[in-house]
Amino acid sequence: MSRIGKSIITIPAGVTVSQKDNVVTVKGPKGELTQELTEGITLENNDGTLTFSRPSDSKQHRALHGLYRALINNMTVGVSEGFEKKLELVGVGYRASHSGQKLELALGFSHGIVMELPSEVKIDTLTEKGKNPIITLTSFDKQLIGMVAAKIRSFRKPEPYKGKGVRFVGEIVRRKAGKSA
């Protein structure tokens, strides 16, 4: 049995989970998310706990068993607590600012980068003197916030020689030695 798939999800207070025709809907104080389940994977809701089961031990069913349990768990955590990602801009002259849902980045190119963010993602930029600018993204959808953060990081990935670029806070960039003299 899948170790992840067989673990039980406890539903937090204020969160409701409903299922109709293989579509699971999770509603909470922060928002509402839906996920379609593949044929065979069944969800049982018993007094505030969710359990997943699979019909057979085929490779496909074993893979999907843990996947759907993890997706539904991320949905319940997201609508009750929410998720947060922080990105750091390392480099001379790298700046970030926002107005509404537009993020404006200066990453050393000849032009600024303007990115329109989805309405589900809230943004905050922090610039302190002597420190690297930090972009904070918050949302109830873990998949969406991960995609937005990866897109922002893709504009200027951290390079291995000086470490300049956009990186996640706490990310360790493997450094290389330059030319030997």
C-alpha atoms as a PDB file:
ATOM      1  CA  MET A   1       0.000   0.000   0.000  1.00  0.00           C
ATOM      2  CA  SER A   2       1.200   3.502  -0.775  1.00  0.00           C
ATOM      3  CA  ARG A   3       2.522   5.168   2.374  1.00  0.00           C
ATOM      4  CA  ILE A   4       1.278   8.557   1.219  1.00  0.00           C
ATOM      5  CA  GLY A   5      -1.974   7.254  -0.246  1.00  0.00           C
ATOM      6  CA  LYS A   6      -3.089   5.368   2.856  1.00  0.00           C
ATOM      7  CA  SER A   7      -2.515   8.251   5.294  1.00  0.00           C
ATOM      8  CA  ILE A   8      -5.668  10.035   6.420  1.00  0.00           C
ATOM      9  CA  ILE A   9      -6.448  13.707   5.779  1.00  0.00           C
ATOM     10  CA  THR A  10      -8.118  15.496   8.685  1.00  0.00           C
ATOM     11  CA  ILE A  11     -10.378  18.306   7.529  1.00  0.00           C
ATOM     12  CA  PRO A  12      -9.727  21.584   9.441  1.00  0.00           C
ATOM     13  CA  ALA A  13     -12.579  23.599  10.941  1.00  0.00           C
ATOM     14  CA  GLY A  14     -14.344  25.822   8.412  1.00  0.00           C
ATOM     15  CA  VAL A  15     -13.440  23.620   5.422  1.00  0.00           C
ATOM     16  CA  THR A  16     -16.016  21.586   3.498  1.00  0.00           C
ATOM     17  CA  VAL A  17     -15.211  18.798   1.048  1.00  0.00           C
ATOM     18  CA  SER A  18     -17.823  17.620  -1.460  1.00  0.00           C
ATOM     19  CA  GLN A  19     -17.657  15.114  -4.306  1.00  0.00           C
ATOM     20  CA  LYS A  20     -19.863  14.885  -7.380  1.00  0.00           C
ATOM     21  CA  ASP A  21     -19.123  12.738 -10.455  1.00  0.00           C
ATOM     22  CA  ASN A  22     -15.380  12.281  -9.745  1.00  0.00           C
ATOM     23  CA  VAL A  23     -14.910  16.027  -9.113  1.00  0.00           C
ATOM     24  CA  VAL A  24     -13.805  16.975  -5.597  1.00  0.00           C
ATOM     25  CA  THR A  25     -14.559  20.525  -4.424  1.00  0.00           C
ATOM     26  CA  VAL A  26     -12.854  21.966  -1.349  1.00  0.00           C
ATOM     27  CA  LYS A  27     -14.245  25.217   0.101  1.00  0.00           C
ATOM     28  CA  GLY A  28     -12.680  27.196   2.907  1.00  0.00           C
ATOM     29  CA  PRO A  29     -12.232  30.702   4.279  1.00  0.00           C
ATOM     30  CA  LYS A  30      -9.483  31.572   1.760  1.00  0.00           C
ATOM     31  CA  GLY A  31     -11.152  30.243  -1.407  1.00  0.00           C
ATOM     32  CA  GLU A  32     -12.481  27.279  -3.369  1.00  0.00           C
ATOM     33  CA  LEU A  33     -10.548  24.654  -5.356  1.00  0.00           C
ATOM     34  CA  THR A  34     -11.661  21.715  -7.529  1.00  0.00           C
ATOM     35  CA  GLN A  35      -9.839  18.568  -8.657  1.00  0.00           C
ATOM     36  CA  GLU A  36     -11.025  15.820 -10.976  1.00  0.00           C
ATOM     37  CA  LEU A  37     -10.291  12.244  -9.842  1.00  0.00           C
ATOM     38  CA  THR A  38      -9.397   9.475 -12.287  1.00  0.00           C
ATOM     39  CA  GLU A  39     -11.699   6.466 -12.577  1.00  0.00           C
ATOM     40  CA  GLY A  40     -10.977   3.909  -9.876  1.00  0.00           C
ATOM     41  CA  ILE A  41      -9.603   6.129  -7.117  1.00  0.00           C
ATOM     42  CA  THR A  42     -12.363   6.543  -4.526  1.00  0.00           C
ATOM     43  CA  LEU A  43     -12.656   9.128  -1.772  1.00  0.00           C
ATOM     44  CA  GLU A  44     -14.502   8.433   1.491  1.00  0.00           C
ATOM     45  CA  ASN A  45     -15.548  11.264   3.811  1.00  0.00           C
ATOM     46  CA  ASN A  46     -16.084  10.028   7.398  1.00  0.00           C
ATOM     47  CA  ASP A  47     -16.748  12.601  10.154  1.00  0.00           C
ATOM     48  CA  GLY A  48     -14.025  15.079   9.230  1.00  0.00           C
ATOM     49  CA  THR A  49     -11.487  12.626   7.807  1.00  0.00           C
ATOM     50  CA  LEU A  50     -10.764  11.712   4.198  1.00  0.00           C
ATOM     51  CA  THR A  51      -9.423   8.320   3.080  1.00  0.00           C
ATOM     52  CA  PHE A  52      -8.442   7.253  -0.429  1.00  0.00           C
ATOM     53  CA  SER A  53      -8.613   3.723  -1.838  1.00  0.00           C
ATOM     54  CA  ARG A  54      -7.664   2.099  -5.123  1.00  0.00           C
ATOM     55  CA  PRO A  55      -9.293  -0.856  -6.899  1.00  0.00           C
ATOM     56  CA  SER A  56      -6.144  -2.822  -7.769  1.00  0.00           C
ATOM     57  CA  ASP A  57      -2.383  -2.950  -7.324  1.00  0.00           C
ATOM     58  CA  SER A  58      -1.613  -2.067 -10.936  1.00  0.00           C
ATOM     59  CA  LYS A  59       1.240   0.382 -11.483  1.00  0.00           C
ATOM     60  CA  GLN A  60      -1.139   3.104 -12.713  1.00  0.00           C
ATOM     61  CA  HIS A  61      -3.470   2.832  -9.696  1.00  0.00           C
ATOM     62  CA  ARG A  62      -0.546   2.764  -7.241  1.00  0.00           C
ATOM     63  CA  ALA A  63       0.899   5.940  -8.782  1.00  0.00           C
ATOM     64  CA  LEU A  64      -2.423   7.809  -8.770  1.00  0.00           C
ATOM     65  CA  HIS A  65      -3.313   6.722  -5.214  1.00  0.00           C
ATOM     66  CA  GLY A  66      -0.602   8.823  -3.567  1.00  0.00           C
ATOM     67  CA  LEU A  67      -0.866  11.613  -6.133  1.00  0.00           C
ATOM     68  CA  TYR A  68      -4.532  12.383  -5.520  1.00  0.00           C
ATOM     69  CA  ARG A  69      -4.124  12.124  -1.754  1.00  0.00           C
ATOM     70  CA  ALA A  70      -1.318  14.719  -1.911  1.00  0.00           C
ATOM     71  CA  LEU A  71      -3.291  17.019  -4.251  1.00  0.00           C
ATOM     72  CA  ILE A  72      -6.417  16.977  -2.045  1.00  0.00           C
ATOM     73  CA  ASN A  73      -4.278  17.501   1.083  1.00  0.00           C
ATOM     74  CA  ASN A  74      -2.637  20.556  -0.541  1.00  0.00           C
ATOM     75  CA  MET A  75      -6.093  21.870  -1.398  1.00  0.00           C
ATOM     76  CA  THR A  76      -7.350  21.543   2.203  1.00  0.00           C
ATOM     77  CA  VAL A  77      -4.222  23.208   3.609  1.00  0.00           C
ATOM     78  CA  GLY A  78      -4.443  25.959   0.979  1.00  0.00           C
ATOM     79  CA  VAL A  79      -8.060  26.974   1.601  1.00  0.00           C
ATOM     80  CA  SER A  80      -7.549  26.963   5.384  1.00  0.00           C
ATOM     81  CA  GLU A  81      -4.006  28.371   5.864  1.00  0.00           C
ATOM     82  CA  GLY A  82      -2.695  29.369   2.420  1.00  0.00           C
ATOM     83  CA  PHE A  83       0.795  29.114   0.931  1.00  0.00           C
ATOM     84  CA  GLU A  84       3.664  31.588   0.664  1.00  0.00           C
ATOM     85  CA  LYS A  85       6.741  31.754  -1.589  1.00  0.00           C
ATOM     86  CA  LYS A  86       9.555  34.275  -1.248  1.00  0.00           C
ATOM     87  CA  LEU A  87      11.977  35.194  -4.022  1.00  0.00           C
ATOM     88  CA  GLU A  88      15.174  37.181  -3.612  1.00  0.00           C
ATOM     89  CA  LEU A  89      16.795  39.367  -6.288  1.00  0.00           C
ATOM     90  CA  VAL A  90      20.594  39.145  -6.022  1.00  0.00           C
ATOM     91  CA  GLY A  91      22.536  41.581  -8.190  1.00  0.00           C
ATOM     92  CA  VAL A  92      23.551  45.222  -8.473  1.00  0.00           C
ATOM     93  CA  GLY A  93      20.643  47.334  -9.704  1.00  0.00           C
ATOM     94  CA  TYR A  94      18.071  44.514  -9.526  1.00  0.00           C
ATOM     95  CA  ARG A  95      14.756  45.988  -8.393  1.00  0.00           C
ATOM     96  CA  ALA A  96      11.161  44.878  -7.948  1.00  0.00           C
ATOM     97  CA  SER A  97       8.000  46.913  -7.500  1.00  0.00           C
ATOM     98  CA  HIS A  98       4.302  46.211  -7.835  1.00  0.00           C
ATOM     99  CA  SER A  99       1.141  48.144  -8.505  1.00  0.00           C
ATOM    100  CA  GLY A 100      -2.031  46.122  -8.127  1.00  0.00           C
ATOM    101  CA  GLN A 101      -1.502  42.789  -9.886  1.00  0.00           C
ATOM    102  CA  LYS A 102       1.410  44.031 -12.045  1.00  0.00           C
ATOM    103  CA  LEU A 103       4.961  43.138 -11.060  1.00  0.00           C
ATOM    104  CA  GLU A 104       7.718  45.318 -12.505  1.00  0.00           C
ATOM    105  CA  LEU A 105      11.257  43.902 -12.493  1.00  0.00           C
ATOM    106  CA  ALA A 106      14.595  45.481 -13.382  1.00  0.00           C
ATOM    107  CA  LEU A 107      17.002  42.560 -13.855  1.00  0.00           C
ATOM    108  CA  GLY A 108      19.896  44.096 -15.758  1.00  0.00           C
ATOM    109  CA  PHE A 109      18.335  43.915 -19.204  1.00  0.00           C
ATOM    110  CA  SER A 110      18.001  46.957 -21.463  1.00  0.00           C
ATOM    111  CA  HIS A 111      14.263  46.974 -20.681  1.00  0.00           C
ATOM    112  CA  GLY A 112      12.125  46.373 -17.614  1.00  0.00           C
ATOM    113  CA  ILE A 113       9.967  43.259 -17.293  1.00  0.00           C
ATOM    114  CA  VAL A 114       6.267  43.737 -16.502  1.00  0.00           C
ATOM    115  CA  MET A 115       4.312  40.634 -15.497  1.00  0.00           C
ATOM    116  CA  GLU A 116       0.553  40.473 -14.952  1.00  0.00           C
ATOM    117  CA  LEU A 117      -0.251  38.112 -12.053  1.00  0.00           C
ATOM    118  CA  PRO A 118      -3.426  36.018 -11.677  1.00  0.00           C
ATOM    119  CA  SER A 119      -6.063  37.409  -9.317  1.00  0.00           C
ATOM    120  CA  GLU A 120      -5.651  34.436  -6.919  1.00  0.00           C
ATOM    121  CA  VAL A 121      -2.026  35.414  -6.177  1.00  0.00           C
ATOM    122  CA  LYS A 122      -1.338  38.315  -3.815  1.00  0.00           C
ATOM    123  CA  ILE A 123       2.036  40.048  -4.142  1.00  0.00           C
ATOM    124  CA  ASP A 124       4.213  42.131  -1.864  1.00  0.00           C
ATOM    125  CA  THR A 125       7.657  43.602  -2.591  1.00  0.00           C
ATOM    126  CA  LEU A 126      10.129  44.640   0.082  1.00  0.00           C
ATOM    127  CA  THR A 127      13.217  46.749  -0.594  1.00  0.00           C
ATOM    128  CA  GLU A 128      15.501  47.624   2.306  1.00  0.00           C
ATOM    129  CA  LYS A 129      18.697  49.629   2.019  1.00  0.00           C
ATOM    130  CA  GLY A 130      21.727  47.344   1.952  1.00  0.00           C
ATOM    131  CA  LYS A 131      19.668  44.181   1.448  1.00  0.00           C
ATOM    132  CA  ASN A 132      18.431  42.295  -1.597  1.00  0.00           C
ATOM    133  CA  PRO A 133      14.849  43.038  -2.752  1.00  0.00           C
ATOM    134  CA  ILE A 134      12.364  40.330  -1.740  1.00  0.00           C
ATOM    135  CA  ILE A 135       9.166  39.389  -3.584  1.00  0.00           C
ATOM    136  CA  THR A 136       6.524  37.627  -1.439  1.00  0.00           C
ATOM    137  CA  LEU A 137       3.750  35.675  -3.179  1.00  0.00           C
ATOM    138  CA  THR A 138       0.745  34.341  -1.215  1.00  0.00           C
ATOM    139  CA  SER A 139      -2.143  32.225  -2.489  1.00  0.00           C
ATOM    140  CA  PHE A 140      -4.449  29.373  -1.557  1.00  0.00           C
ATOM    141  CA  ASP A 141      -3.530  27.397  -4.726  1.00  0.00           C
ATOM    142  CA  LYS A 142      -0.160  25.648  -4.326  1.00  0.00           C
ATOM    143  CA  GLN A 143       0.147  24.692  -7.997  1.00  0.00           C
ATOM    144  CA  LEU A 144      -0.562  28.226  -9.233  1.00  0.00           C
ATOM    145  CA  ILE A 145       1.804  29.933  -6.796  1.00  0.00           C
ATOM    146  CA  GLY A 146       4.557  27.478  -7.739  1.00  0.00           C
ATOM    147  CA  MET A 147       4.083  28.176 -11.453  1.00  0.00           C
ATOM    148  CA  VAL A 148       4.120  31.964 -10.930  1.00  0.00           C
ATOM    149  CA  ALA A 149       7.255  31.763  -8.756  1.00  0.00           C
ATOM    150  CA  ALA A 150       9.007  29.542 -11.328  1.00  0.00           C
ATOM    151  CA  LYS A 151       8.080  31.992 -14.113  1.00  0.00           C
ATOM    152  CA  ILE A 152       9.534  34.943 -12.179  1.00  0.00           C
ATOM    153  CA  ARG A 153      12.700  32.926 -11.452  1.00  0.00           C
ATOM    154  CA  SER A 154      13.024  31.978 -15.140  1.00  0.00           C
ATOM    155  CA  PHE A 155      13.522  35.637 -16.152  1.00  0.00           C
ATOM    156  CA  ARG A 156      17.049  35.554 -14.661  1.00  0.00           C
ATOM    157  CA  LYS A 157      18.124  32.251 -13.100  1.00  0.00           C
ATOM    158  CA  PRO A 158      21.002  32.354 -10.586  1.00  0.00           C
ATOM    159  CA  GLU A 159      24.322  31.948 -12.369  1.00  0.00           C
ATOM    160  CA  PRO A 160      27.089  29.852 -10.778  1.00  0.00           C
ATOM    161  CA  TYR A 161      30.024  32.302 -10.950  1.00  0.00           C
ATOM    162  CA  LYS A 162      28.803  35.404  -9.092  1.00  0.00           C
ATOM    163  CA  GLY A 163      25.461  34.043  -7.846  1.00  0.00           C
ATOM    164  CA  LYS A 164      23.466  36.854  -9.455  1.00  0.00           C
ATOM    165  CA  GLY A 165      19.835  36.286 -10.430  1.00  0.00           C
ATOM    166  CA  VAL A 166      16.402  35.556  -8.986  1.00  0.00           C
ATOM    167  CA  ARG A 167      16.377  32.780  -6.388  1.00  0.00           C
ATOM    168  CA  PHE A 168      14.068  31.411  -3.732  1.00  0.00           C
ATOM    169  CA  VAL A 169      14.850  32.602  -0.197  1.00  0.00           C
ATOM    170  CA  GLY A 170      17.042  29.931   1.366  1.00  0.00           C
ATOM    171  CA  GLU A 171      18.021  28.396  -1.980  1.00  0.00           C
ATOM    172  CA  ILE A 172      21.676  27.385  -2.116  1.00  0.00           C
ATOM    173  CA  VAL A 173      23.383  28.158  -5.435  1.00  0.00           C
ATOM    174  CA  ARG A 174      26.345  25.942  -6.210  1.00  0.00           C
ATOM    175  CA  ARG A 175      29.250  28.233  -6.958  1.00  0.00           C
ATOM    176  CA  LYS A 176      32.040  27.555  -9.443  1.00  0.00           C
ATOM    177  CA  ALA A 177      35.584  28.866  -9.412  1.00  0.00           C
ATOM    178  CA  GLY A 178      36.331  31.285 -12.245  1.00  0.00           C
ATOM    179  CA  LYS A 179      39.368  31.249 -14.488  1.00  0.00           C
ATOM    180  CA  SER A 180      42.528  30.207 -12.671  1.00  0.00           C
ATOM    181  CA  ALA A 181      45.178  32.912 -12.882  1.00  0.00           C
END
